[in-house]
Amino acid sequence: MFNGFSQATGDFLWGLSMNNNREWFNAHRQEYEDHLNQPFRALTLETLALLQRRFPDQDFQAHIARIWRDARRLFGRGPFKDHLWFSIQSGERKASGPMFWFELDGTGWSYGAGNWEDAADYAAAWRALIDANPARFEKLVRGIEASGPYRLWGEVYKRPKAERGELLNPWYNRRHISVGREQPYGGEMFTPEFPEYLAERFAELMPFYLFLREVWNNVLIERAGRGKC
């Protein structure tokens, strides 16, 4: 059962970022279990259950990142991540495709929805679906803006692909895109109601997630036709 994070969660992650070695981690393993690992898993599972009940047709599944880095990809860094995240996707647990996500580090937390696929065919399919019905996408964007101060992430093209107006240009001219919000420690994350808070925020972003799913399905169909899947 999720009972809330605490400042001790941030203190552990901050300490790990400054002492990224096995000796320090082993000396603070109980802090890791009590203040990060156990509550993080409880948060993930409770948020997932709420979304599954609310959107049973989506077959949502969750993936929790491991705190240990892949030993083959250290690249001079320490053996541990100094941040942790989970993702929720429709019927799959992999790094590609649209997802909801929550991330926690030593300074705060963030959440959102997006797709980090950086392939040219995905970006082309994204633009094509917007172009097919700009009014539909404008309504989606206005709905997100009405929900709160969400931020756009994703690499912007140095040379825009097209002019689609002030509202759509920031969305249209990106290689990949995600929408989310960053928050400092405190507030909702310290309460047992945090899973409900996250599930409600993900529900706000559901139209955007479903749009991303539609783009992704179009890409998979096109790749299958080219024998690329």
C-alpha atoms as a PDB file:
ATOM      1  CA  MET A   1       0.000   0.000   0.000  1.00  0.00           C
ATOM      2  CA  PHE A   2       1.311   3.435  -0.959  1.00  0.00           C
ATOM      3  CA  ASN A   3       1.565   5.759   2.039  1.00  0.00           C
ATOM      4  CA  GLY A   4       3.413   8.627   0.382  1.00  0.00           C
ATOM      5  CA  PHE A   5       7.007   9.510  -0.316  1.00  0.00           C
ATOM      6  CA  SER A   6       8.942  11.732   2.066  1.00  0.00           C
ATOM      7  CA  GLN A   7      11.898  14.083   2.006  1.00  0.00           C
ATOM      8  CA  ALA A   8      13.984  11.023   2.874  1.00  0.00           C
ATOM      9  CA  THR A   9      13.285   9.772  -0.685  1.00  0.00           C
ATOM     10  CA  GLY A  10      14.911  12.840  -2.178  1.00  0.00           C
ATOM     11  CA  ASP A  11      17.735  12.729   0.357  1.00  0.00           C
ATOM     12  CA  PHE A  12      18.557   9.158  -0.674  1.00  0.00           C
ATOM     13  CA  LEU A  13      18.550   9.957  -4.411  1.00  0.00           C
ATOM     14  CA  TRP A  14      20.608  13.101  -3.858  1.00  0.00           C
ATOM     15  CA  GLY A  15      23.099  11.150  -1.771  1.00  0.00           C
ATOM     16  CA  LEU A  16      23.302   8.468  -4.445  1.00  0.00           C
ATOM     17  CA  SER A  17      24.007  11.064  -7.128  1.00  0.00           C
ATOM     18  CA  MET A  18      26.942  12.330  -5.047  1.00  0.00           C
ATOM     19  CA  ASN A  19      28.199   8.847  -4.033  1.00  0.00           C
ATOM     20  CA  ASN A  20      27.449   6.617  -6.992  1.00  0.00           C
ATOM     21  CA  ASN A  21      29.279   3.494  -5.892  1.00  0.00           C
ATOM     22  CA  ARG A  22      28.395   0.091  -4.455  1.00  0.00           C
ATOM     23  CA  GLU A  23      29.914   0.785  -1.048  1.00  0.00           C
ATOM     24  CA  TRP A  24      27.676   3.793  -0.406  1.00  0.00           C
ATOM     25  CA  PHE A  25      24.594   2.039  -1.813  1.00  0.00           C
ATOM     26  CA  ASN A  26      25.117  -1.070   0.314  1.00  0.00           C
ATOM     27  CA  ALA A  27      25.544   1.072   3.425  1.00  0.00           C
ATOM     28  CA  HIS A  28      22.216   2.781   2.651  1.00  0.00           C
ATOM     29  CA  ARG A  29      20.315  -0.198   1.262  1.00  0.00           C
ATOM     30  CA  GLN A  30      17.627  -0.094   3.942  1.00  0.00           C
ATOM     31  CA  GLU A  31      16.966   3.562   3.139  1.00  0.00           C
ATOM     32  CA  TYR A  32      16.630   2.569  -0.508  1.00  0.00           C
ATOM     33  CA  GLU A  33      14.084  -0.139   0.360  1.00  0.00           C
ATOM     34  CA  ASP A  34      12.070   1.939   2.833  1.00  0.00           C
ATOM     35  CA  HIS A  35      12.022   5.323   1.118  1.00  0.00           C
ATOM     36  CA  LEU A  36      12.327   4.547  -2.602  1.00  0.00           C
ATOM     37  CA  ASN A  37      11.927   0.965  -3.781  1.00  0.00           C
ATOM     38  CA  GLN A  38       8.890  -0.147  -1.785  1.00  0.00           C
ATOM     39  CA  PRO A  39       6.822   3.048  -2.082  1.00  0.00           C
ATOM     40  CA  PHE A  40       7.749   3.436  -5.751  1.00  0.00           C
ATOM     41  CA  ARG A  41       6.497  -0.065  -6.576  1.00  0.00           C
ATOM     42  CA  ALA A  42       3.328   0.501  -4.562  1.00  0.00           C
ATOM     43  CA  LEU A  43       2.713   3.783  -6.399  1.00  0.00           C
ATOM     44  CA  THR A  44       3.197   2.097  -9.766  1.00  0.00           C
ATOM     45  CA  LEU A  45       0.854  -0.802  -9.061  1.00  0.00           C
ATOM     46  CA  GLU A  46      -1.875   1.336  -7.515  1.00  0.00           C
ATOM     47  CA  THR A  47      -1.754   3.874 -10.354  1.00  0.00           C
ATOM     48  CA  LEU A  48      -1.865   1.036 -12.871  1.00  0.00           C
ATOM     49  CA  ALA A  49      -4.863  -0.570 -11.158  1.00  0.00           C
ATOM     50  CA  LEU A  50      -6.773   2.718 -11.220  1.00  0.00           C
ATOM     51  CA  LEU A  51      -6.127   3.179 -14.937  1.00  0.00           C
ATOM     52  CA  GLN A  52      -7.031  -0.431 -15.693  1.00  0.00           C
ATOM     53  CA  ARG A  53     -10.377  -0.004 -13.958  1.00  0.00           C
ATOM     54  CA  ARG A  54     -11.078   3.316 -15.649  1.00  0.00           C
ATOM     55  CA  PHE A  55      -9.922   2.278 -19.142  1.00  0.00           C
ATOM     56  CA  PRO A  56     -10.352  -1.529 -19.329  1.00  0.00           C
ATOM     57  CA  ASP A  57     -10.231  -1.548 -23.134  1.00  0.00           C
ATOM     58  CA  GLN A  58      -6.621  -0.303 -23.129  1.00  0.00           C
ATOM     59  CA  ASP A  59      -5.060  -3.408 -21.493  1.00  0.00           C
ATOM     60  CA  PHE A  60      -2.585  -1.208 -19.612  1.00  0.00           C
ATOM     61  CA  GLN A  61       0.656  -2.759 -18.328  1.00  0.00           C
ATOM     62  CA  ALA A  62       3.434  -1.151 -16.282  1.00  0.00           C
ATOM     63  CA  HIS A  63       7.225  -1.235 -16.427  1.00  0.00           C
ATOM     64  CA  ILE A  64       9.447  -0.075 -13.556  1.00  0.00           C
ATOM     65  CA  ALA A  65      12.989   0.944 -14.372  1.00  0.00           C
ATOM     66  CA  ARG A  66      15.772  -0.776 -12.457  1.00  0.00           C
ATOM     67  CA  ILE A  67      18.027   1.396 -10.341  1.00  0.00           C
ATOM     68  CA  TRP A  68      21.053  -0.548 -11.582  1.00  0.00           C
ATOM     69  CA  ARG A  69      22.550   0.646 -14.843  1.00  0.00           C
ATOM     70  CA  ASP A  70      23.296  -1.847 -17.592  1.00  0.00           C
ATOM     71  CA  ALA A  71      26.960  -2.744 -17.004  1.00  0.00           C
ATOM     72  CA  ARG A  72      27.530  -2.632 -20.772  1.00  0.00           C
ATOM     73  CA  ARG A  73      26.406   1.011 -20.937  1.00  0.00           C
ATOM     74  CA  LEU A  74      28.075   2.734 -18.012  1.00  0.00           C
ATOM     75  CA  PHE A  75      30.146   5.065 -20.210  1.00  0.00           C
ATOM     76  CA  GLY A  76      32.163   6.227 -17.234  1.00  0.00           C
ATOM     77  CA  ARG A  77      29.139   6.709 -14.993  1.00  0.00           C
ATOM     78  CA  GLY A  78      28.453   5.006 -11.690  1.00  0.00           C
ATOM     79  CA  PRO A  79      26.619   1.669 -11.486  1.00  0.00           C
ATOM     80  CA  PHE A  80      23.312   3.224 -10.293  1.00  0.00           C
ATOM     81  CA  LYS A  81      20.744   5.598 -11.739  1.00  0.00           C
ATOM     82  CA  ASP A  82      20.129   8.679  -9.607  1.00  0.00           C
ATOM     83  CA  HIS A  83      16.510   8.802 -10.798  1.00  0.00           C
ATOM     84  CA  LEU A  84      13.752   6.245 -11.149  1.00  0.00           C
ATOM     85  CA  TRP A  85      10.723   6.037 -13.424  1.00  0.00           C
ATOM     86  CA  PHE A  86       7.826   3.866 -14.407  1.00  0.00           C
ATOM     87  CA  SER A  87       5.878   3.734 -17.655  1.00  0.00           C
ATOM     88  CA  ILE A  88       2.385   2.510 -18.465  1.00  0.00           C
ATOM     89  CA  GLN A  89       1.525   1.320 -21.970  1.00  0.00           C
ATOM     90  CA  SER A  90      -1.299  -0.478 -23.716  1.00  0.00           C
ATOM     91  CA  GLY A  91      -0.598  -4.197 -23.698  1.00  0.00           C
ATOM     92  CA  GLU A  92       3.178  -3.954 -23.894  1.00  0.00           C
ATOM     93  CA  ARG A  93       6.273  -3.371 -21.790  1.00  0.00           C
ATOM     94  CA  LYS A  94       8.962  -1.889 -23.990  1.00  0.00           C
ATOM     95  CA  ALA A  95      10.831   1.328 -24.553  1.00  0.00           C
ATOM     96  CA  SER A  96       9.163   2.132 -27.877  1.00  0.00           C
ATOM     97  CA  GLY A  97       5.668   3.338 -28.571  1.00  0.00           C
ATOM     98  CA  PRO A  98       3.445   5.783 -26.669  1.00  0.00           C
ATOM     99  CA  MET A  99       3.383   5.671 -22.886  1.00  0.00           C
ATOM    100  CA  PHE A 100       2.439   7.468 -19.715  1.00  0.00           C
ATOM    101  CA  TRP A 101       5.408   8.026 -17.421  1.00  0.00           C
ATOM    102  CA  PHE A 102       6.342   9.175 -13.943  1.00  0.00           C
ATOM    103  CA  GLU A 103       9.912  10.045 -12.917  1.00  0.00           C
ATOM    104  CA  LEU A 104      11.503  10.890  -9.589  1.00  0.00           C
ATOM    105  CA  ASP A 105      14.963  12.263  -8.826  1.00  0.00           C
ATOM    106  CA  GLY A 106      16.703  14.049  -6.004  1.00  0.00           C
ATOM    107  CA  THR A 107      15.152  17.439  -6.771  1.00  0.00           C
ATOM    108  CA  GLY A 108      11.554  16.667  -7.733  1.00  0.00           C
ATOM    109  CA  TRP A 109       9.218  14.621  -9.897  1.00  0.00           C
ATOM    110  CA  SER A 110       7.577  14.785 -13.288  1.00  0.00           C
ATOM    111  CA  TYR A 111       4.903  12.966 -15.221  1.00  0.00           C
ATOM    112  CA  GLY A 112       3.353  13.001 -18.654  1.00  0.00           C
ATOM    113  CA  ALA A 113       2.619  11.150 -21.864  1.00  0.00           C
ATOM    114  CA  GLY A 114       4.688  10.849 -25.003  1.00  0.00           C
ATOM    115  CA  ASN A 115       6.574   8.850 -27.566  1.00  0.00           C
ATOM    116  CA  TRP A 116      10.364   8.982 -27.858  1.00  0.00           C
ATOM    117  CA  GLU A 117      10.537   7.223 -31.232  1.00  0.00           C
ATOM    118  CA  ASP A 118      13.061   9.236 -33.261  1.00  0.00           C
ATOM    119  CA  ALA A 119      12.532   7.560 -36.644  1.00  0.00           C
ATOM    120  CA  ALA A 120      11.704   9.616 -39.720  1.00  0.00           C
ATOM    121  CA  ASP A 121       8.681   7.467 -40.565  1.00  0.00           C
ATOM    122  CA  TYR A 122       7.158   8.098 -37.143  1.00  0.00           C
ATOM    123  CA  ALA A 123       7.569  11.868 -37.468  1.00  0.00           C
ATOM    124  CA  ALA A 124       6.040  11.721 -40.954  1.00  0.00           C
ATOM    125  CA  ALA A 125       3.061   9.708 -39.654  1.00  0.00           C
ATOM    126  CA  TRP A 126       2.633  12.203 -36.799  1.00  0.00           C
ATOM    127  CA  ARG A 127       2.420  15.122 -39.234  1.00  0.00           C
ATOM    128  CA  ALA A 128       0.161  13.200 -41.614  1.00  0.00           C
ATOM    129  CA  LEU A 129      -2.409  12.483 -38.896  1.00  0.00           C
ATOM    130  CA  ILE A 130      -2.463  16.136 -37.860  1.00  0.00           C
ATOM    131  CA  ASP A 131      -2.846  17.221 -41.487  1.00  0.00           C
ATOM    132  CA  ALA A 132      -5.694  14.769 -42.015  1.00  0.00           C
ATOM    133  CA  ASN A 133      -7.864  16.699 -39.550  1.00  0.00           C
ATOM    134  CA  PRO A 134      -6.266  19.865 -38.130  1.00  0.00           C
ATOM    135  CA  ALA A 135      -9.489  20.860 -36.349  1.00  0.00           C
ATOM    136  CA  ARG A 136      -9.464  17.594 -34.414  1.00  0.00           C
ATOM    137  CA  PHE A 137      -5.900  18.168 -33.259  1.00  0.00           C
ATOM    138  CA  GLU A 138      -6.564  21.812 -32.399  1.00  0.00           C
ATOM    139  CA  LYS A 139      -9.387  20.658 -30.111  1.00  0.00           C
ATOM    140  CA  LEU A 140      -7.014  18.143 -28.483  1.00  0.00           C
ATOM    141  CA  VAL A 141      -4.354  20.817 -27.893  1.00  0.00           C
ATOM    142  CA  ARG A 142      -6.877  23.253 -26.421  1.00  0.00           C
ATOM    143  CA  GLY A 143      -8.075  20.531 -24.071  1.00  0.00           C
ATOM    144  CA  ILE A 144      -4.521  19.970 -22.814  1.00  0.00           C
ATOM    145  CA  GLU A 145      -3.960  23.698 -22.375  1.00  0.00           C
ATOM    146  CA  ALA A 146      -7.196  23.969 -20.389  1.00  0.00           C
ATOM    147  CA  SER A 147      -6.024  21.210 -18.038  1.00  0.00           C
ATOM    148  CA  GLY A 148      -3.042  23.166 -16.748  1.00  0.00           C
ATOM    149  CA  PRO A 149       0.470  24.421 -17.505  1.00  0.00           C
ATOM    150  CA  TYR A 150       1.781  21.413 -19.403  1.00  0.00           C
ATOM    151  CA  ARG A 151       5.172  21.586 -21.062  1.00  0.00           C
ATOM    152  CA  LEU A 152       6.189  20.229 -24.467  1.00  0.00           C
ATOM    153  CA  TRP A 153       9.372  18.156 -24.726  1.00  0.00           C
ATOM    154  CA  GLY A 154      11.026  16.821 -27.865  1.00  0.00           C
ATOM    155  CA  GLU A 155      13.621  17.899 -30.396  1.00  0.00           C
ATOM    156  CA  VAL A 156      12.438  20.729 -32.629  1.00  0.00           C
ATOM    157  CA  TYR A 157      13.415  20.692 -36.299  1.00  0.00           C
ATOM    158  CA  LYS A 158      15.994  23.356 -37.100  1.00  0.00           C
ATOM    159  CA  ARG A 159      14.099  23.943 -40.319  1.00  0.00           C
ATOM    160  CA  PRO A 160      10.317  23.665 -39.779  1.00  0.00           C
ATOM    161  CA  LYS A 161       8.522  21.138 -41.930  1.00  0.00           C
ATOM    162  CA  ALA A 162       5.530  23.402 -42.512  1.00  0.00           C
ATOM    163  CA  GLU A 163       3.612  26.379 -41.196  1.00  0.00           C
ATOM    164  CA  ARG A 164       0.527  25.282 -39.258  1.00  0.00           C
ATOM    165  CA  GLY A 165      -0.264  28.375 -37.227  1.00  0.00           C
ATOM    166  CA  GLU A 166       0.678  29.634 -33.792  1.00  0.00           C
ATOM    167  CA  LEU A 167      -1.279  26.954 -31.914  1.00  0.00           C
ATOM    168  CA  LEU A 168      -0.050  23.897 -33.825  1.00  0.00           C
ATOM    169  CA  ASN A 169       3.477  24.847 -34.891  1.00  0.00           C
ATOM    170  CA  PRO A 170       5.137  23.861 -31.571  1.00  0.00           C
ATOM    171  CA  TRP A 171       3.498  20.428 -31.828  1.00  0.00           C
ATOM    172  CA  TYR A 172       3.837  19.848 -35.545  1.00  0.00           C
ATOM    173  CA  ASN A 173       7.517  20.645 -36.042  1.00  0.00           C
ATOM    174  CA  ARG A 174       9.164  18.153 -33.674  1.00  0.00           C
ATOM    175  CA  ARG A 175      10.999  14.900 -34.307  1.00  0.00           C
ATOM    176  CA  HIS A 176       9.266  13.332 -31.305  1.00  0.00           C
ATOM    177  CA  ILE A 177       7.056  14.734 -28.616  1.00  0.00           C
ATOM    178  CA  SER A 178       5.946  14.364 -25.027  1.00  0.00           C
ATOM    179  CA  VAL A 179       3.732  16.466 -22.787  1.00  0.00           C
ATOM    180  CA  GLY A 180       4.248  16.707 -19.062  1.00  0.00           C
ATOM    181  CA  ARG A 181       4.757  18.685 -15.921  1.00  0.00           C
ATOM    182  CA  GLU A 182       7.623  19.058 -13.435  1.00  0.00           C
ATOM    183  CA  GLN A 183       7.073  19.551  -9.705  1.00  0.00           C
ATOM    184  CA  PRO A 184       9.330  20.069  -6.666  1.00  0.00           C
ATOM    185  CA  TYR A 185       9.247  17.791  -3.645  1.00  0.00           C
ATOM    186  CA  GLY A 186       6.208  18.064  -1.429  1.00  0.00           C
ATOM    187  CA  GLY A 187       2.493  18.368  -1.934  1.00  0.00           C
ATOM    188  CA  GLU A 188       0.654  15.413  -3.421  1.00  0.00           C
ATOM    189  CA  MET A 189       3.663  13.103  -3.539  1.00  0.00           C
ATOM    190  CA  PHE A 190       3.798  12.999   0.262  1.00  0.00           C
ATOM    191  CA  THR A 191       0.187  11.792   0.556  1.00  0.00           C
ATOM    192  CA  PRO A 192      -1.454   8.336   0.264  1.00  0.00           C
ATOM    193  CA  GLU A 193      -3.742   9.848  -2.410  1.00  0.00           C
ATOM    194  CA  PHE A 194      -0.870  10.304  -4.872  1.00  0.00           C
ATOM    195  CA  PRO A 195      -1.882   7.288  -7.042  1.00  0.00           C
ATOM    196  CA  GLU A 196      -5.333   8.857  -7.501  1.00  0.00           C
ATOM    197  CA  TYR A 197      -3.713  12.175  -8.361  1.00  0.00           C
ATOM    198  CA  LEU A 198      -1.479  10.597 -11.009  1.00  0.00           C
ATOM    199  CA  ALA A 199      -4.275   8.489 -12.481  1.00  0.00           C
ATOM    200  CA  GLU A 200      -6.421  11.598 -12.816  1.00  0.00           C
ATOM    201  CA  ARG A 201      -3.632  13.508 -14.543  1.00  0.00           C
ATOM    202  CA  PHE A 202      -3.033  10.612 -16.930  1.00  0.00           C
ATOM    203  CA  ALA A 203      -6.763  10.576 -17.664  1.00  0.00           C
ATOM    204  CA  GLU A 204      -6.498  14.264 -18.617  1.00  0.00           C
ATOM    205  CA  LEU A 205      -3.830  13.309 -21.138  1.00  0.00           C
ATOM    206  CA  MET A 206      -5.707  10.273 -22.465  1.00  0.00           C
ATOM    207  CA  PRO A 207      -6.863  11.993 -25.717  1.00  0.00           C
ATOM    208  CA  PHE A 208      -3.235  12.844 -26.468  1.00  0.00           C
ATOM    209  CA  TYR A 209      -2.117   9.301 -25.625  1.00  0.00           C
ATOM    210  CA  LEU A 210      -4.784   7.821 -27.913  1.00  0.00           C
ATOM    211  CA  PHE A 211      -3.686  10.143 -30.711  1.00  0.00           C
ATOM    212  CA  LEU A 212      -0.118   8.899 -30.247  1.00  0.00           C
ATOM    213  CA  ARG A 213      -1.409   5.311 -30.325  1.00  0.00           C
ATOM    214  CA  GLU A 214      -3.138   6.009 -33.621  1.00  0.00           C
ATOM    215  CA  VAL A 215       0.074   7.408 -35.079  1.00  0.00           C
ATOM    216  CA  TRP A 216       2.026   4.416 -33.759  1.00  0.00           C
ATOM    217  CA  ASN A 217      -0.429   1.903 -35.228  1.00  0.00           C
ATOM    218  CA  ASN A 218      -0.156   3.617 -38.615  1.00  0.00           C
ATOM    219  CA  VAL A 219       3.635   3.356 -38.408  1.00  0.00           C
ATOM    220  CA  LEU A 220       3.509  -0.348 -37.523  1.00  0.00           C
ATOM    221  CA  ILE A 221       1.144  -1.064 -40.428  1.00  0.00           C
ATOM    222  CA  GLU A 222       3.427   0.801 -42.817  1.00  0.00           C
ATOM    223  CA  ARG A 223       6.525  -0.955 -41.516  1.00  0.00           C
ATOM    224  CA  ALA A 224       4.848  -4.338 -41.792  1.00  0.00           C
ATOM    225  CA  GLY A 225       4.059  -3.568 -45.427  1.00  0.00           C
ATOM    226  CA  ARG A 226       7.745  -2.793 -46.004  1.00  0.00           C
ATOM    227  CA  GLY A 227       8.845  -5.867 -44.038  1.00  0.00           C
ATOM    228  CA  LYS A 228      10.497  -3.685 -41.379  1.00  0.00           C
ATOM    229  CA  CYS A 229       8.755  -5.031 -38.250  1.00  0.00           C
END
